[in-house]
Amino acid sequence: MTTPTTRAAATRELDCTEPLDGAQLRRILGQFVTGVCAVTTRFDGPAGPGHDAIAVNSFTSVSLDPPLVSMCLRGDSTFLERVRATGQWAVSFLGHHARPLVGVLTAPAAQRPPVDQSAQWSVGPRTGCLVLPDGPGTLECALHLTQPLGDHVLVVGRVLGASAGDTEPLVFHRGAFTQVTPLR
């Protein structure tokens, strides 16, 4: 008989027949490494056209043919309302140098500077949404579908245009930001 390693001994199975504690689930899901993105859209407001942006880590590729990507947004999100209204959004994969921008994009809207003043944005040629050209990559998307799922909404976009950079990505793991370190 073998003795379990410390890591294996720390692993325990959850009983999913009982309601799962939200904090416990969040801790477990935090073990999954994700990238961090700035997602932008345009909107028409009382003061005229404007831009909105948020930070997300619930982003993934869905299909290559047709080219589809997705993200999950809170169902009560103003940003979601704006994406539905305009039918367009853009994603900028954040580089490790963009950590301060995440703080700006996750602050309450009333407490942050205008989005177009928060970073060195460019206007995407396909959608007019803001993109960050100095990161690992950008995608411009047309809204393909939305699907309510629990307290969030799955948002799927058809990729209209893309660009790639050569910057190391910002990643999120165990509730903290970190960088990718290549294996040697």
C-alpha atoms as a PDB file:
ATOM      1  CA  MET A   1       0.000   0.000   0.000  1.00  0.00           C
ATOM      2  CA  THR A   2       1.267   3.471  -0.856  1.00  0.00           C
ATOM      3  CA  THR A   3       1.009   6.559   1.312  1.00  0.00           C
ATOM      4  CA  PRO A   4      -0.855   9.443  -0.343  1.00  0.00           C
ATOM      5  CA  THR A   5       1.199  12.536  -1.097  1.00  0.00           C
ATOM      6  CA  THR A   6       0.445  15.752   0.753  1.00  0.00           C
ATOM      7  CA  ARG A   7      -1.312  17.176  -2.309  1.00  0.00           C
ATOM      8  CA  ALA A   8      -3.466  14.060  -2.775  1.00  0.00           C
ATOM      9  CA  ALA A   9      -4.280  14.014   0.939  1.00  0.00           C
ATOM     10  CA  ALA A  10      -5.506  17.617   0.694  1.00  0.00           C
ATOM     11  CA  THR A  11      -7.950  16.641  -2.051  1.00  0.00           C
ATOM     12  CA  ARG A  12     -11.406  15.667  -0.909  1.00  0.00           C
ATOM     13  CA  GLU A  13     -14.526  14.814  -2.797  1.00  0.00           C
ATOM     14  CA  LEU A  14     -17.570  17.060  -2.562  1.00  0.00           C
ATOM     15  CA  ASP A  15     -21.024  15.646  -2.000  1.00  0.00           C
ATOM     16  CA  CYS A  16     -23.081  17.354  -4.713  1.00  0.00           C
ATOM     17  CA  THR A  17     -26.366  15.898  -3.458  1.00  0.00           C
ATOM     18  CA  GLU A  18     -26.473  18.799  -0.979  1.00  0.00           C
ATOM     19  CA  PRO A  19     -26.538  22.456  -2.054  1.00  0.00           C
ATOM     20  CA  LEU A  20     -23.001  23.536  -2.878  1.00  0.00           C
ATOM     21  CA  ASP A  21     -21.616  26.430  -0.855  1.00  0.00           C
ATOM     22  CA  GLY A  22     -20.877  29.384  -3.211  1.00  0.00           C
ATOM     23  CA  ALA A  23     -17.612  30.337  -1.483  1.00  0.00           C
ATOM     24  CA  GLN A  24     -16.369  26.752  -1.647  1.00  0.00           C
ATOM     25  CA  LEU A  25     -17.266  26.469  -5.341  1.00  0.00           C
ATOM     26  CA  ARG A  26     -15.531  29.787  -6.082  1.00  0.00           C
ATOM     27  CA  ARG A  27     -12.357  28.515  -4.340  1.00  0.00           C
ATOM     28  CA  ILE A  28     -12.422  25.292  -6.346  1.00  0.00           C
ATOM     29  CA  LEU A  29     -13.081  27.054  -9.654  1.00  0.00           C
ATOM     30  CA  GLY A  30     -10.172  29.375  -8.793  1.00  0.00           C
ATOM     31  CA  GLN A  31      -7.874  26.414  -9.389  1.00  0.00           C
ATOM     32  CA  PHE A  32      -8.583  26.778 -13.112  1.00  0.00           C
ATOM     33  CA  VAL A  33      -6.206  29.239 -14.788  1.00  0.00           C
ATOM     34  CA  THR A  34      -7.894  31.792 -17.036  1.00  0.00           C
ATOM     35  CA  GLY A  35      -6.799  34.670 -19.185  1.00  0.00           C
ATOM     36  CA  VAL A  36      -8.037  38.189 -18.542  1.00  0.00           C
ATOM     37  CA  CYS A  37      -9.714  40.310 -21.220  1.00  0.00           C
ATOM     38  CA  ALA A  38     -11.009  43.819 -21.639  1.00  0.00           C
ATOM     39  CA  VAL A  39     -14.338  43.690 -23.478  1.00  0.00           C
ATOM     40  CA  THR A  40     -15.698  46.873 -25.044  1.00  0.00           C
ATOM     41  CA  THR A  41     -18.812  48.045 -26.827  1.00  0.00           C
ATOM     42  CA  ARG A  42     -20.207  51.282 -28.212  1.00  0.00           C
ATOM     43  CA  PHE A  43     -23.512  52.788 -27.164  1.00  0.00           C
ATOM     44  CA  ASP A  44     -25.767  55.761 -27.758  1.00  0.00           C
ATOM     45  CA  GLY A  45     -26.409  57.595 -24.514  1.00  0.00           C
ATOM     46  CA  PRO A  46     -28.165  60.815 -23.508  1.00  0.00           C
ATOM     47  CA  ALA A  47     -24.919  62.738 -24.111  1.00  0.00           C
ATOM     48  CA  GLY A  48     -24.343  61.066 -27.488  1.00  0.00           C
ATOM     49  CA  PRO A  49     -22.191  58.097 -28.550  1.00  0.00           C
ATOM     50  CA  GLY A  50     -19.919  56.540 -25.964  1.00  0.00           C
ATOM     51  CA  HIS A  51     -17.798  53.515 -25.137  1.00  0.00           C
ATOM     52  CA  ASP A  52     -18.124  51.050 -22.283  1.00  0.00           C
ATOM     53  CA  ALA A  53     -15.679  48.372 -21.124  1.00  0.00           C
ATOM     54  CA  ILE A  54     -15.424  45.640 -18.531  1.00  0.00           C
ATOM     55  CA  ALA A  55     -12.827  43.058 -17.506  1.00  0.00           C
ATOM     56  CA  VAL A  56     -13.771  39.383 -17.937  1.00  0.00           C
ATOM     57  CA  ASN A  57     -12.090  36.056 -17.396  1.00  0.00           C
ATOM     58  CA  SER A  58     -15.063  33.971 -18.530  1.00  0.00           C
ATOM     59  CA  PHE A  59     -14.064  34.039 -22.194  1.00  0.00           C
ATOM     60  CA  THR A  60     -13.544  31.083 -24.523  1.00  0.00           C
ATOM     61  CA  SER A  61     -13.412  30.040 -28.136  1.00  0.00           C
ATOM     62  CA  VAL A  62     -16.506  28.146 -29.312  1.00  0.00           C
ATOM     63  CA  SER A  63     -15.998  27.290 -32.987  1.00  0.00           C
ATOM     64  CA  LEU A  64     -13.509  27.848 -35.787  1.00  0.00           C
ATOM     65  CA  ASP A  65     -16.051  27.334 -38.583  1.00  0.00           C
ATOM     66  CA  PRO A  66     -17.910  29.616 -38.232  1.00  0.00           C
ATOM     67  CA  PRO A  67     -15.555  31.629 -36.010  1.00  0.00           C
ATOM     68  CA  LEU A  68     -17.420  31.989 -32.690  1.00  0.00           C
ATOM     69  CA  VAL A  69     -16.303  33.044 -29.206  1.00  0.00           C
ATOM     70  CA  SER A  70     -18.194  33.455 -25.958  1.00  0.00           C
ATOM     71  CA  MET A  71     -18.215  35.181 -22.598  1.00  0.00           C
ATOM     72  CA  CYS A  72     -20.543  35.140 -19.606  1.00  0.00           C
ATOM     73  CA  LEU A  73     -21.957  38.353 -18.169  1.00  0.00           C
ATOM     74  CA  ARG A  74     -24.165  38.997 -15.150  1.00  0.00           C
ATOM     75  CA  GLY A  75     -27.806  39.014 -16.163  1.00  0.00           C
ATOM     76  CA  ASP A  76     -28.359  42.485 -14.626  1.00  0.00           C
ATOM     77  CA  SER A  77     -25.323  44.031 -16.342  1.00  0.00           C
ATOM     78  CA  THR A  78     -25.628  47.424 -18.029  1.00  0.00           C
ATOM     79  CA  PHE A  79     -22.794  46.297 -20.291  1.00  0.00           C
ATOM     80  CA  LEU A  80     -24.909  43.311 -21.427  1.00  0.00           C
ATOM     81  CA  GLU A  81     -27.786  45.670 -22.249  1.00  0.00           C
ATOM     82  CA  ARG A  82     -25.439  47.778 -24.361  1.00  0.00           C
ATOM     83  CA  VAL A  83     -24.034  44.760 -26.233  1.00  0.00           C
ATOM     84  CA  ARG A  84     -27.577  43.605 -27.000  1.00  0.00           C
ATOM     85  CA  ALA A  85     -28.521  47.087 -28.222  1.00  0.00           C
ATOM     86  CA  THR A  86     -25.512  47.590 -30.499  1.00  0.00           C
ATOM     87  CA  GLY A  87     -24.938  43.978 -31.527  1.00  0.00           C
ATOM     88  CA  GLN A  88     -21.172  44.526 -31.496  1.00  0.00           C
ATOM     89  CA  TRP A  89     -18.301  44.076 -29.058  1.00  0.00           C
ATOM     90  CA  ALA A  90     -14.540  43.684 -29.033  1.00  0.00           C
ATOM     91  CA  VAL A  91     -12.151  41.675 -26.884  1.00  0.00           C
ATOM     92  CA  SER A  92      -8.586  42.638 -26.011  1.00  0.00           C
ATOM     93  CA  PHE A  93      -6.533  39.909 -24.363  1.00  0.00           C
ATOM     94  CA  LEU A  94      -4.637  41.705 -21.630  1.00  0.00           C
ATOM     95  CA  GLY A  95      -0.886  41.586 -21.362  1.00  0.00           C
ATOM     96  CA  HIS A  96       0.897  41.275 -18.015  1.00  0.00           C
ATOM     97  CA  HIS A  97       1.564  45.038 -18.058  1.00  0.00           C
ATOM     98  CA  ALA A  98      -2.192  45.812 -18.109  1.00  0.00           C
ATOM     99  CA  ARG A  99      -2.936  44.729 -14.508  1.00  0.00           C
ATOM    100  CA  PRO A 100      -3.781  48.331 -13.416  1.00  0.00           C
ATOM    101  CA  LEU A 101      -6.426  48.532 -16.148  1.00  0.00           C
ATOM    102  CA  VAL A 102      -8.313  45.607 -14.581  1.00  0.00           C
ATOM    103  CA  GLY A 103      -8.765  47.685 -11.422  1.00  0.00           C
ATOM    104  CA  VAL A 104     -10.234  50.512 -13.485  1.00  0.00           C
ATOM    105  CA  LEU A 105     -12.574  48.237 -15.469  1.00  0.00           C
ATOM    106  CA  THR A 106     -13.874  46.419 -12.386  1.00  0.00           C
ATOM    107  CA  ALA A 107     -14.594  49.597 -10.396  1.00  0.00           C
ATOM    108  CA  PRO A 108     -18.207  50.812 -10.222  1.00  0.00           C
ATOM    109  CA  ALA A 109     -19.017  52.814 -13.362  1.00  0.00           C
ATOM    110  CA  ALA A 110     -19.660  56.024 -11.382  1.00  0.00           C
ATOM    111  CA  GLN A 111     -16.159  55.841  -9.842  1.00  0.00           C
ATOM    112  CA  ARG A 112     -14.032  55.307 -12.934  1.00  0.00           C
ATOM    113  CA  PRO A 113     -12.730  57.654 -15.612  1.00  0.00           C
ATOM    114  CA  PRO A 114     -14.276  57.628 -19.068  1.00  0.00           C
ATOM    115  CA  VAL A 115     -13.290  54.367 -20.751  1.00  0.00           C
ATOM    116  CA  ASP A 116     -11.571  56.051 -23.676  1.00  0.00           C
ATOM    117  CA  GLN A 117      -9.260  57.834 -21.186  1.00  0.00           C
ATOM    118  CA  SER A 118      -8.352  54.727 -19.163  1.00  0.00           C
ATOM    119  CA  ALA A 119      -5.820  53.202 -21.600  1.00  0.00           C
ATOM    120  CA  GLN A 120      -4.132  53.637 -24.985  1.00  0.00           C
ATOM    121  CA  TRP A 121      -7.102  52.362 -26.984  1.00  0.00           C
ATOM    122  CA  SER A 122      -7.466  52.193 -30.760  1.00  0.00           C
ATOM    123  CA  VAL A 123     -10.765  52.085 -32.607  1.00  0.00           C
ATOM    124  CA  GLY A 124     -11.415  48.678 -34.135  1.00  0.00           C
ATOM    125  CA  PRO A 125     -11.852  48.919 -37.931  1.00  0.00           C
ATOM    126  CA  ARG A 126     -14.745  46.402 -38.093  1.00  0.00           C
ATOM    127  CA  THR A 127     -16.954  47.485 -35.189  1.00  0.00           C
ATOM    128  CA  GLY A 128     -15.759  50.869 -33.984  1.00  0.00           C
ATOM    129  CA  CYS A 129     -15.339  49.322 -30.516  1.00  0.00           C
ATOM    130  CA  LEU A 130     -12.156  50.104 -28.604  1.00  0.00           C
ATOM    131  CA  VAL A 131      -9.255  47.614 -28.685  1.00  0.00           C
ATOM    132  CA  LEU A 132      -5.827  47.487 -27.031  1.00  0.00           C
ATOM    133  CA  PRO A 133      -3.249  46.922 -29.783  1.00  0.00           C
ATOM    134  CA  ASP A 134      -0.344  46.378 -27.339  1.00  0.00           C
ATOM    135  CA  GLY A 135      -1.653  43.103 -25.871  1.00  0.00           C
ATOM    136  CA  PRO A 136      -1.538  39.448 -26.905  1.00  0.00           C
ATOM    137  CA  GLY A 137      -4.486  39.822 -29.305  1.00  0.00           C
ATOM    138  CA  THR A 138      -7.816  41.399 -30.173  1.00  0.00           C
ATOM    139  CA  LEU A 139     -11.082  40.201 -31.671  1.00  0.00           C
ATOM    140  CA  GLU A 140     -13.984  42.221 -33.020  1.00  0.00           C
ATOM    141  CA  CYS A 141     -17.341  40.479 -32.863  1.00  0.00           C
ATOM    142  CA  ALA A 142     -20.949  40.706 -33.991  1.00  0.00           C
ATOM    143  CA  LEU A 143     -23.500  39.424 -31.508  1.00  0.00           C
ATOM    144  CA  HIS A 144     -24.524  35.906 -32.538  1.00  0.00           C
ATOM    145  CA  LEU A 145     -26.764  34.890 -29.624  1.00  0.00           C
ATOM    146  CA  THR A 146     -27.438  35.308 -25.935  1.00  0.00           C
ATOM    147  CA  GLN A 147     -28.676  32.569 -23.623  1.00  0.00           C
ATOM    148  CA  PRO A 148     -29.656  33.076 -19.967  1.00  0.00           C
ATOM    149  CA  LEU A 149     -27.906  30.543 -17.713  1.00  0.00           C
ATOM    150  CA  GLY A 150     -28.505  30.893 -13.972  1.00  0.00           C
ATOM    151  CA  ASP A 151     -27.558  34.374 -12.786  1.00  0.00           C
ATOM    152  CA  HIS A 152     -25.454  35.010 -15.915  1.00  0.00           C
ATOM    153  CA  VAL A 153     -26.029  35.234 -19.670  1.00  0.00           C
ATOM    154  CA  LEU A 154     -23.906  33.398 -22.200  1.00  0.00           C
ATOM    155  CA  VAL A 155     -22.969  35.842 -24.967  1.00  0.00           C
ATOM    156  CA  VAL A 156     -21.720  34.334 -28.231  1.00  0.00           C
ATOM    157  CA  GLY A 157     -20.111  36.493 -30.888  1.00  0.00           C
ATOM    158  CA  ARG A 158     -19.113  35.866 -34.481  1.00  0.00           C
ATOM    159  CA  VAL A 159     -15.545  37.015 -35.046  1.00  0.00           C
ATOM    160  CA  LEU A 160     -15.386  39.734 -37.712  1.00  0.00           C
ATOM    161  CA  GLY A 161     -11.712  40.598 -37.384  1.00  0.00           C
ATOM    162  CA  ALA A 162      -8.676  39.692 -35.309  1.00  0.00           C
ATOM    163  CA  SER A 163      -5.111  40.727 -34.615  1.00  0.00           C
ATOM    164  CA  ALA A 164      -2.264  39.067 -32.728  1.00  0.00           C
ATOM    165  CA  GLY A 165       0.513  40.567 -30.630  1.00  0.00           C
ATOM    166  CA  ASP A 166       3.620  39.214 -28.957  1.00  0.00           C
ATOM    167  CA  THR A 167       2.983  40.249 -25.346  1.00  0.00           C
ATOM    168  CA  GLU A 168       2.974  37.842 -22.397  1.00  0.00           C
ATOM    169  CA  PRO A 169      -0.613  37.457 -21.141  1.00  0.00           C
ATOM    170  CA  LEU A 170      -2.061  38.420 -17.783  1.00  0.00           C
ATOM    171  CA  VAL A 171      -3.620  35.364 -16.154  1.00  0.00           C
ATOM    172  CA  PHE A 172      -5.849  34.748 -13.138  1.00  0.00           C
ATOM    173  CA  HIS A 173      -5.334  31.810 -10.768  1.00  0.00           C
ATOM    174  CA  ARG A 174      -6.448  31.174  -7.167  1.00  0.00           C
ATOM    175  CA  GLY A 175      -7.964  34.634  -6.870  1.00  0.00           C
ATOM    176  CA  ALA A 176      -4.827  36.486  -7.942  1.00  0.00           C
ATOM    177  CA  PHE A 177      -3.200  37.814 -11.097  1.00  0.00           C
ATOM    178  CA  THR A 178      -0.038  36.175 -12.329  1.00  0.00           C
ATOM    179  CA  GLN A 179       2.067  35.675 -15.457  1.00  0.00           C
ATOM    180  CA  VAL A 180       2.790  32.707 -17.657  1.00  0.00           C
ATOM    181  CA  THR A 181       6.190  31.141 -17.095  1.00  0.00           C
ATOM    182  CA  PRO A 182       7.307  28.887 -19.956  1.00  0.00           C
ATOM    183  CA  LEU A 183       8.473  25.399 -19.029  1.00  0.00           C
ATOM    184  CA  ARG A 184      12.038  24.677 -19.973  1.00  0.00           C
END
